[in-house]
Amino acid sequence: MPERKLSEMRIGEQGRIKALDLASPEKLFEMGFLPGSRVRIKQIAPLGDPLHVVVEGYDIALRKEEAEWVSVELENENIAYT
């Protein structure tokens, strides 16, 4: 499966978090960004920042800079989850 940074994904794309590229990702861990978790891009602000993402069913606004730290293995776009 292709891999991409969360910040590079388009609206509707989804996948599983593969890794966090950060020395101390406590903030992202606390928000549910754990390896293996499903993530989907729900919306992107008009100027590209922030991103509205869904992680395991939870809606989260994430700055593009923070989304750079998340590597995602893309999945089929037709997988449905809330």
PDB file of N, CA and C in Angstrom:
ATOM      1  N   MET A   1       0.839  -1.184   0.000  1.00  0.00           N
ATOM      2  CA  MET A   1       0.000   0.000   0.000  1.00  0.00           C
ATOM      3  C   MET A   1       0.882   1.245   0.000  1.00  0.00           C
ATOM      4  N   PRO A   2       0.440   2.287  -0.685  1.00  0.00           N
ATOM      5  CA  PRO A   2       1.231   3.526  -0.702  1.00  0.00           C
ATOM      6  C   PRO A   2       1.239   4.208   0.665  1.00  0.00           C
ATOM      7  N   GLU A   3       2.296   4.937   0.914  1.00  0.00           N
ATOM      8  CA  GLU A   3       2.446   5.652   2.183  1.00  0.00           C
ATOM      9  C   GLU A   3       2.567   7.135   1.895  1.00  0.00           C
ATOM     10  N   ARG A   4       1.996   7.954   2.791  1.00  0.00           N
ATOM     11  CA  ARG A   4       2.007   9.395   2.588  1.00  0.00           C
ATOM     12  C   ARG A   4       1.955  10.089   3.945  1.00  0.00           C
ATOM     13  N   LYS A   5       2.451  11.297   4.010  1.00  0.00           N
ATOM     14  CA  LYS A   5       2.305  12.117   5.219  1.00  0.00           C
ATOM     15  C   LYS A   5       0.846  12.556   5.323  1.00  0.00           C
ATOM     16  N   LEU A   6       0.330  12.656   6.524  1.00  0.00           N
ATOM     17  CA  LEU A   6      -1.046  13.085   6.729  1.00  0.00           C
ATOM     18  C   LEU A   6      -1.273  14.457   6.105  1.00  0.00           C
ATOM     19  N   SER A   7      -0.292  15.315   6.160  1.00  0.00           N
ATOM     20  CA  SER A   7      -0.402  16.665   5.602  1.00  0.00           C
ATOM     21  C   SER A   7      -0.523  16.670   4.083  1.00  0.00           C
ATOM     22  N   GLU A   8      -0.155  15.587   3.415  1.00  0.00           N
ATOM     23  CA  GLU A   8      -0.201  15.500   1.951  1.00  0.00           C
ATOM     24  C   GLU A   8      -1.475  14.831   1.439  1.00  0.00           C
ATOM     25  N   MET A   9      -2.288  14.309   2.339  1.00  0.00           N
ATOM     26  CA  MET A   9      -3.499  13.598   1.932  1.00  0.00           C
ATOM     27  C   MET A   9      -4.578  14.570   1.493  1.00  0.00           C
ATOM     28  N   ARG A  10      -5.474  14.066   0.634  1.00  0.00           N
ATOM     29  CA  ARG A  10      -6.585  14.866   0.129  1.00  0.00           C
ATOM     30  C   ARG A  10      -7.868  14.501   0.868  1.00  0.00           C
ATOM     31  N   ILE A  11      -8.882  15.343   0.713  1.00  0.00           N
ATOM     32  CA  ILE A  11     -10.182  15.101   1.335  1.00  0.00           C
ATOM     33  C   ILE A  11     -10.713  13.740   0.886  1.00  0.00           C
ATOM     34  N   GLY A  12     -11.157  12.945   1.843  1.00  0.00           N
ATOM     35  CA  GLY A  12     -11.718  11.632   1.567  1.00  0.00           C
ATOM     36  C   GLY A  12     -10.714  10.497   1.638  1.00  0.00           C
ATOM     37  N   GLU A  13      -9.425  10.802   1.559  1.00  0.00           N
ATOM     38  CA  GLU A  13      -8.422   9.742   1.649  1.00  0.00           C
ATOM     39  C   GLU A  13      -8.334   9.250   3.091  1.00  0.00           C
ATOM     40  N   GLN A  14      -8.045   7.981   3.237  1.00  0.00           N
ATOM     41  CA  GLN A  14      -7.953   7.391   4.563  1.00  0.00           C
ATOM     42  C   GLN A  14      -6.931   6.269   4.575  1.00  0.00           C
ATOM     43  N   GLY A  15      -6.540   5.921   5.766  1.00  0.00           N
ATOM     44  CA  GLY A  15      -5.570   4.850   5.919  1.00  0.00           C
ATOM     45  C   GLY A  15      -5.319   4.568   7.384  1.00  0.00           C
ATOM     46  N   ARG A  16      -4.233   3.871   7.626  1.00  0.00           N
ATOM     47  CA  ARG A  16      -3.830   3.544   8.997  1.00  0.00           C
ATOM     48  C   ARG A  16      -2.523   4.263   9.304  1.00  0.00           C
ATOM     49  N   ILE A  17      -2.452   4.777  10.520  1.00  0.00           N
ATOM     50  CA  ILE A  17      -1.235   5.467  10.944  1.00  0.00           C
ATOM     51  C   ILE A  17      -0.118   4.443  11.033  1.00  0.00           C
ATOM     52  N   LYS A  18       0.971   4.729  10.361  1.00  0.00           N
ATOM     53  CA  LYS A  18       2.107   3.816  10.353  1.00  0.00           C
ATOM     54  C   LYS A  18       3.136   4.220  11.406  1.00  0.00           C
ATOM     55  N   ALA A  19       3.426   5.517  11.481  1.00  0.00           N
ATOM     56  CA  ALA A  19       4.450   5.991  12.427  1.00  0.00           C
ATOM     57  C   ALA A  19       4.292   7.480  12.679  1.00  0.00           C
ATOM     58  N   LEU A  20       4.858   7.921  13.790  1.00  0.00           N
ATOM     59  CA  LEU A  20       4.948   9.344  14.109  1.00  0.00           C
ATOM     60  C   LEU A  20       6.414   9.735  14.031  1.00  0.00           C
ATOM     61  N   ASP A  21       6.719  10.719  13.204  1.00  0.00           N
ATOM     62  CA  ASP A  21       8.095  11.150  12.991  1.00  0.00           C
ATOM     63  C   ASP A  21       8.450  12.295  13.936  1.00  0.00           C
ATOM     64  N   LEU A  22       8.508  11.991  15.202  1.00  0.00           N
ATOM     65  CA  LEU A  22       8.716  13.022  16.200  1.00  0.00           C
ATOM     66  C   LEU A  22       9.379  12.399  17.416  1.00  0.00           C
ATOM     67  N   ALA A  23      10.301  13.118  18.018  1.00  0.00           N
ATOM     68  CA  ALA A  23      11.020  12.594  19.174  1.00  0.00           C
ATOM     69  C   ALA A  23      10.089  12.378  20.376  1.00  0.00           C
ATOM     70  N   SER A  24       9.191  13.319  20.627  1.00  0.00           N
ATOM     71  CA  SER A  24       8.280  13.170  21.774  1.00  0.00           C
ATOM     72  C   SER A  24       6.857  13.536  21.354  1.00  0.00           C
ATOM     73  N   PRO A  25       6.106  12.580  20.807  1.00  0.00           N
ATOM     74  CA  PRO A  25       4.770  12.861  20.265  1.00  0.00           C
ATOM     75  C   PRO A  25       3.630  12.752  21.281  1.00  0.00           C
ATOM     76  N   GLU A  26       3.868  13.116  22.534  1.00  0.00           N
ATOM     77  CA  GLU A  26       2.840  12.930  23.565  1.00  0.00           C
ATOM     78  C   GLU A  26       1.520  13.577  23.192  1.00  0.00           C
ATOM     79  N   LYS A  27       1.559  14.796  22.641  1.00  0.00           N
ATOM     80  CA  LYS A  27       0.331  15.507  22.292  1.00  0.00           C
ATOM     81  C   LYS A  27      -0.486  14.698  21.290  1.00  0.00           C
ATOM     82  N   LEU A  28       0.163  14.177  20.264  1.00  0.00           N
ATOM     83  CA  LEU A  28      -0.553  13.395  19.260  1.00  0.00           C
ATOM     84  C   LEU A  28      -1.044  12.069  19.835  1.00  0.00           C
ATOM     85  N   PHE A  29      -0.243  11.433  20.679  1.00  0.00           N
ATOM     86  CA  PHE A  29      -0.683  10.198  21.334  1.00  0.00           C
ATOM     87  C   PHE A  29      -1.951  10.450  22.146  1.00  0.00           C
ATOM     88  N   GLU A  30      -1.972  11.547  22.901  1.00  0.00           N
ATOM     89  CA  GLU A  30      -3.126  11.868  23.729  1.00  0.00           C
ATOM     90  C   GLU A  30      -4.367  12.135  22.897  1.00  0.00           C
ATOM     91  N   MET A  31      -4.201  12.596  21.661  1.00  0.00           N
ATOM     92  CA  MET A  31      -5.334  12.862  20.770  1.00  0.00           C
ATOM     93  C   MET A  31      -5.762  11.611  20.000  1.00  0.00           C
ATOM     94  N   GLY A  32      -5.063  10.481  20.189  1.00  0.00           N
ATOM     95  CA  GLY A  32      -5.468   9.233  19.553  1.00  0.00           C
ATOM     96  C   GLY A  32      -4.672   8.845  18.327  1.00  0.00           C
ATOM     97  N   PHE A  33      -3.631   9.586  18.005  1.00  0.00           N
ATOM     98  CA  PHE A  33      -2.792   9.265  16.852  1.00  0.00           C
ATOM     99  C   PHE A  33      -1.794   8.176  17.256  1.00  0.00           C
ATOM    100  N   LEU A  34      -2.245   6.943  17.188  1.00  0.00           N
ATOM    101  CA  LEU A  34      -1.429   5.793  17.566  1.00  0.00           C
ATOM    102  C   LEU A  34      -1.189   4.922  16.341  1.00  0.00           C
ATOM    103  N   PRO A  35      -0.020   4.326  16.210  1.00  0.00           N
ATOM    104  CA  PRO A  35       0.223   3.414  15.087  1.00  0.00           C
ATOM    105  C   PRO A  35      -0.874   2.349  15.020  1.00  0.00           C
ATOM    106  N   GLY A  36      -1.404   2.168  13.812  1.00  0.00           N
ATOM    107  CA  GLY A  36      -2.472   1.200  13.585  1.00  0.00           C
ATOM    108  C   GLY A  36      -3.861   1.811  13.599  1.00  0.00           C
ATOM    109  N   SER A  37      -4.007   3.037  14.098  1.00  0.00           N
ATOM    110  CA  SER A  37      -5.317   3.693  14.138  1.00  0.00           C
ATOM    111  C   SER A  37      -5.726   4.155  12.746  1.00  0.00           C
ATOM    112  N   ARG A  38      -7.019   4.080  12.469  1.00  0.00           N
ATOM    113  CA  ARG A  38      -7.536   4.572  11.201  1.00  0.00           C
ATOM    114  C   ARG A  38      -7.670   6.080  11.251  1.00  0.00           C
ATOM    115  N   VAL A  39      -7.342   6.717  10.132  1.00  0.00           N
ATOM    116  CA  VAL A  39      -7.432   8.167  10.022  1.00  0.00           C
ATOM    117  C   VAL A  39      -7.977   8.517   8.641  1.00  0.00           C
ATOM    118  N   ARG A  40      -8.792   9.579   8.606  1.00  0.00           N
ATOM    119  CA  ARG A  40      -9.382  10.029   7.345  1.00  0.00           C
ATOM    120  C   ARG A  40      -9.383  11.550   7.313  1.00  0.00           C
ATOM    121  N   ILE A  41      -9.127  12.132   6.147  1.00  0.00           N
ATOM    122  CA  ILE A  41      -9.210  13.575   5.974  1.00  0.00           C
ATOM    123  C   ILE A  41     -10.661  13.915   5.662  1.00  0.00           C
ATOM    124  N   LYS A  42     -11.278  14.682   6.532  1.00  0.00           N
ATOM    125  CA  LYS A  42     -12.677  15.047   6.353  1.00  0.00           C
ATOM    126  C   LYS A  42     -12.810  16.385   5.630  1.00  0.00           C
ATOM    127  N   GLN A  43     -11.934  17.325   5.982  1.00  0.00           N
ATOM    128  CA  GLN A  43     -12.025  18.660   5.405  1.00  0.00           C
ATOM    129  C   GLN A  43     -10.680  19.360   5.554  1.00  0.00           C
ATOM    130  N   ILE A  44     -10.406  20.284   4.637  1.00  0.00           N
ATOM    131  CA  ILE A  44      -9.188  21.095   4.706  1.00  0.00           C
ATOM    132  C   ILE A  44      -9.616  22.552   4.621  1.00  0.00           C
ATOM    133  N   ALA A  45      -9.097  23.383   5.506  1.00  0.00           N
ATOM    134  CA  ALA A  45      -9.437  24.804   5.497  1.00  0.00           C
ATOM    135  C   ALA A  45      -9.024  25.424   4.158  1.00  0.00           C
ATOM    136  N   PRO A  46      -9.700  26.511   3.745  1.00  0.00           N
ATOM    137  CA  PRO A  46      -9.410  27.123   2.442  1.00  0.00           C
ATOM    138  C   PRO A  46      -7.940  27.462   2.210  1.00  0.00           C
ATOM    139  N   LEU A  47      -7.221  27.861   3.229  1.00  0.00           N
ATOM    140  CA  LEU A  47      -5.799  28.180   3.060  1.00  0.00           C
ATOM    141  C   LEU A  47      -4.895  26.983   3.379  1.00  0.00           C
ATOM    142  N   GLY A  48      -5.498  25.805   3.597  1.00  0.00           N
ATOM    143  CA  GLY A  48      -4.730  24.583   3.811  1.00  0.00           C
ATOM    144  C   GLY A  48      -4.383  24.266   5.256  1.00  0.00           C
ATOM    145  N   ASP A  49      -4.792  25.113   6.189  1.00  0.00           N
ATOM    146  CA  ASP A  49      -4.452  24.907   7.596  1.00  0.00           C
ATOM    147  C   ASP A  49      -5.558  25.500   8.454  1.00  0.00           C
ATOM    148  N   PRO A  50      -6.202  24.753   9.333  1.00  0.00           N
ATOM    149  CA  PRO A  50      -5.922  23.397   9.781  1.00  0.00           C
ATOM    150  C   PRO A  50      -6.617  22.347   8.915  1.00  0.00           C
ATOM    151  N   LEU A  51      -6.329  21.094   9.254  1.00  0.00           N
ATOM    152  CA  LEU A  51      -6.971  19.947   8.632  1.00  0.00           C
ATOM    153  C   LEU A  51      -8.015  19.418   9.607  1.00  0.00           C
ATOM    154  N   HIS A  52      -9.152  19.002   9.081  1.00  0.00           N
ATOM    155  CA  HIS A  52     -10.182  18.362   9.901  1.00  0.00           C
ATOM    156  C   HIS A  52     -10.054  16.877   9.614  1.00  0.00           C
ATOM    157  N   VAL A  53      -9.588  16.121  10.603  1.00  0.00           N
ATOM    158  CA  VAL A  53      -9.358  14.687  10.430  1.00  0.00           C
ATOM    159  C   VAL A  53     -10.246  13.893  11.383  1.00  0.00           C
ATOM    160  N   VAL A  54     -10.473  12.645  11.027  1.00  0.00           N
ATOM    161  CA  VAL A  54     -11.218  11.727  11.882  1.00  0.00           C
ATOM    162  C   VAL A  54     -10.268  10.589  12.231  1.00  0.00           C
ATOM    163  N   VAL A  55     -10.026  10.402  13.525  1.00  0.00           N
ATOM    164  CA  VAL A  55      -9.152   9.329  13.998  1.00  0.00           C
ATOM    165  C   VAL A  55     -10.013   8.381  14.831  1.00  0.00           C
ATOM    166  N   GLU A  56     -10.189   7.173  14.326  1.00  0.00           N
ATOM    167  CA  GLU A  56     -11.004   6.160  15.020  1.00  0.00           C
ATOM    168  C   GLU A  56     -12.349   6.724  15.460  1.00  0.00           C
ATOM    169  N   GLY A  57     -12.977   7.525  14.582  1.00  0.00           N
ATOM    170  CA  GLY A  57     -14.309   8.054  14.856  1.00  0.00           C
ATOM    171  C   GLY A  57     -14.340   9.392  15.568  1.00  0.00           C
ATOM    172  N   TYR A  58     -13.205   9.922  15.988  1.00  0.00           N
ATOM    173  CA  TYR A  58     -13.153  11.205  16.689  1.00  0.00           C
ATOM    174  C   TYR A  58     -12.710  12.306  15.737  1.00  0.00           C
ATOM    175  N   ASP A  59     -13.475  13.410  15.697  1.00  0.00           N
ATOM    176  CA  ASP A  59     -13.134  14.556  14.861  1.00  0.00           C
ATOM    177  C   ASP A  59     -12.089  15.408  15.562  1.00  0.00           C
ATOM    178  N   ILE A  60     -11.031  15.740  14.816  1.00  0.00           N
ATOM    179  CA  ILE A  60      -9.923  16.509  15.387  1.00  0.00           C
ATOM    180  C   ILE A  60      -9.458  17.541  14.370  1.00  0.00           C
ATOM    181  N   ALA A  61      -9.222  18.762  14.827  1.00  0.00           N
ATOM    182  CA  ALA A  61      -8.590  19.789  14.003  1.00  0.00           C
ATOM    183  C   ALA A  61      -7.100  19.727  14.288  1.00  0.00           C
ATOM    184  N   LEU A  62      -6.319  19.653  13.219  1.00  0.00           N
ATOM    185  CA  LEU A  62      -4.877  19.466  13.367  1.00  0.00           C
ATOM    186  C   LEU A  62      -4.148  20.445  12.462  1.00  0.00           C
ATOM    187  N   ARG A  63      -3.154  21.117  13.011  1.00  0.00           N
ATOM    188  CA  ARG A  63      -2.355  22.029  12.187  1.00  0.00           C
ATOM    189  C   ARG A  63      -1.572  21.229  11.160  1.00  0.00           C
ATOM    190  N   LYS A  64      -1.337  21.834  10.015  1.00  0.00           N
ATOM    191  CA  LYS A  64      -0.611  21.159   8.946  1.00  0.00           C
ATOM    192  C   LYS A  64       0.798  20.779   9.404  1.00  0.00           C
ATOM    193  N   GLU A  65       1.410  21.631  10.209  1.00  0.00           N
ATOM    194  CA  GLU A  65       2.748  21.345  10.742  1.00  0.00           C
ATOM    195  C   GLU A  65       2.745  20.057  11.562  1.00  0.00           C
ATOM    196  N   GLU A  66       1.710  19.859  12.381  1.00  0.00           N
ATOM    197  CA  GLU A  66       1.597  18.640  13.176  1.00  0.00           C
ATOM    198  C   GLU A  66       1.297  17.429  12.295  1.00  0.00           C
ATOM    199  N   ALA A  67       0.513  17.640  11.238  1.00  0.00           N
ATOM    200  CA  ALA A  67       0.173  16.552  10.319  1.00  0.00           C
ATOM    201  C   ALA A  67       1.408  16.045   9.571  1.00  0.00           C
ATOM    202  N   GLU A  68       2.440  16.863   9.471  1.00  0.00           N
ATOM    203  CA  GLU A  68       3.710  16.453   8.836  1.00  0.00           C
ATOM    204  C   GLU A  68       4.375  15.320   9.621  1.00  0.00           C
ATOM    205  N   TRP A  69       4.076  15.215  10.903  1.00  0.00           N
ATOM    206  CA  TRP A  69       4.719  14.220  11.766  1.00  0.00           C
ATOM    207  C   TRP A  69       4.107  12.832  11.642  1.00  0.00           C
ATOM    208  N   VAL A  70       2.962  12.720  10.936  1.00  0.00           N
ATOM    209  CA  VAL A  70       2.209  11.472  10.890  1.00  0.00           C
ATOM    210  C   VAL A  70       2.354  10.806   9.519  1.00  0.00           C
ATOM    211  N   SER A  71       2.886   9.590   9.495  1.00  0.00           N
ATOM    212  CA  SER A  71       2.969   8.796   8.261  1.00  0.00           C
ATOM    213  C   SER A  71       1.782   7.849   8.220  1.00  0.00           C
ATOM    214  N   VAL A  72       1.115   7.804   7.061  1.00  0.00           N
ATOM    215  CA  VAL A  72      -0.101   7.012   6.905  1.00  0.00           C
ATOM    216  C   VAL A  72       0.054   6.041   5.742  1.00  0.00           C
ATOM    217  N   GLU A  73      -0.343   4.797   5.967  1.00  0.00           N
ATOM    218  CA  GLU A  73      -0.416   3.806   4.901  1.00  0.00           C
ATOM    219  C   GLU A  73      -1.838   3.879   4.354  1.00  0.00           C
ATOM    220  N   LEU A  74      -1.973   4.308   3.112  1.00  0.00           N
ATOM    221  CA  LEU A  74      -3.295   4.528   2.517  1.00  0.00           C
ATOM    222  C   LEU A  74      -4.053   3.237   2.318  1.00  0.00           C
ATOM    223  N   GLU A  75      -5.374   3.326   2.460  1.00  0.00           N
ATOM    224  CA  GLU A  75      -6.278   2.189   2.250  1.00  0.00           C
ATOM    225  C   GLU A  75      -7.239   2.531   1.134  1.00  0.00           C
ATOM    226  N   ASN A  76      -8.061   1.582   0.810  1.00  0.00           N
ATOM    227  CA  ASN A  76      -9.114   1.780  -0.172  1.00  0.00           C
ATOM    228  C   ASN A  76     -10.019   2.909   0.303  1.00  0.00           C
ATOM    229  N   GLU A  77     -10.361   3.847  -0.596  1.00  0.00           N
ATOM    230  CA  GLU A  77     -11.168   5.007  -0.232  1.00  0.00           C
ATOM    231  C   GLU A  77     -12.616   4.654   0.064  1.00  0.00           C
ATOM    232  N   ASN A  78     -13.059   3.440  -0.233  1.00  0.00           N
ATOM    233  CA  ASN A  78     -14.455   3.076  -0.034  1.00  0.00           C
ATOM    234  C   ASN A  78     -14.741   2.456   1.320  1.00  0.00           C
ATOM    235  N   ILE A  79     -13.753   2.347   2.192  1.00  0.00           N
ATOM    236  CA  ILE A  79     -13.978   1.789   3.529  1.00  0.00           C
ATOM    237  C   ILE A  79     -14.762   2.804   4.342  1.00  0.00           C
ATOM    238  N   ALA A  80     -15.861   2.391   4.912  1.00  0.00           N
ATOM    239  CA  ALA A  80     -16.718   3.325   5.669  1.00  0.00           C
ATOM    240  C   ALA A  80     -16.545   3.102   7.162  1.00  0.00           C
ATOM    241  N   TYR A  81     -16.347   4.168   7.887  1.00  0.00           N
ATOM    242  CA  TYR A  81     -16.359   4.166   9.344  1.00  0.00           C
ATOM    243  C   TYR A  81     -16.677   5.555   9.802  1.00  0.00           C
ATOM    244  N   THR A  82     -17.089   5.702  11.035  1.00  0.00           N
ATOM    245  CA  THR A  82     -17.475   7.024  11.536  1.00  0.00           C
ATOM    246  C   THR A  82     -16.395   7.613  12.369  1.00  0.00           C
TER     247      THR A  82
END
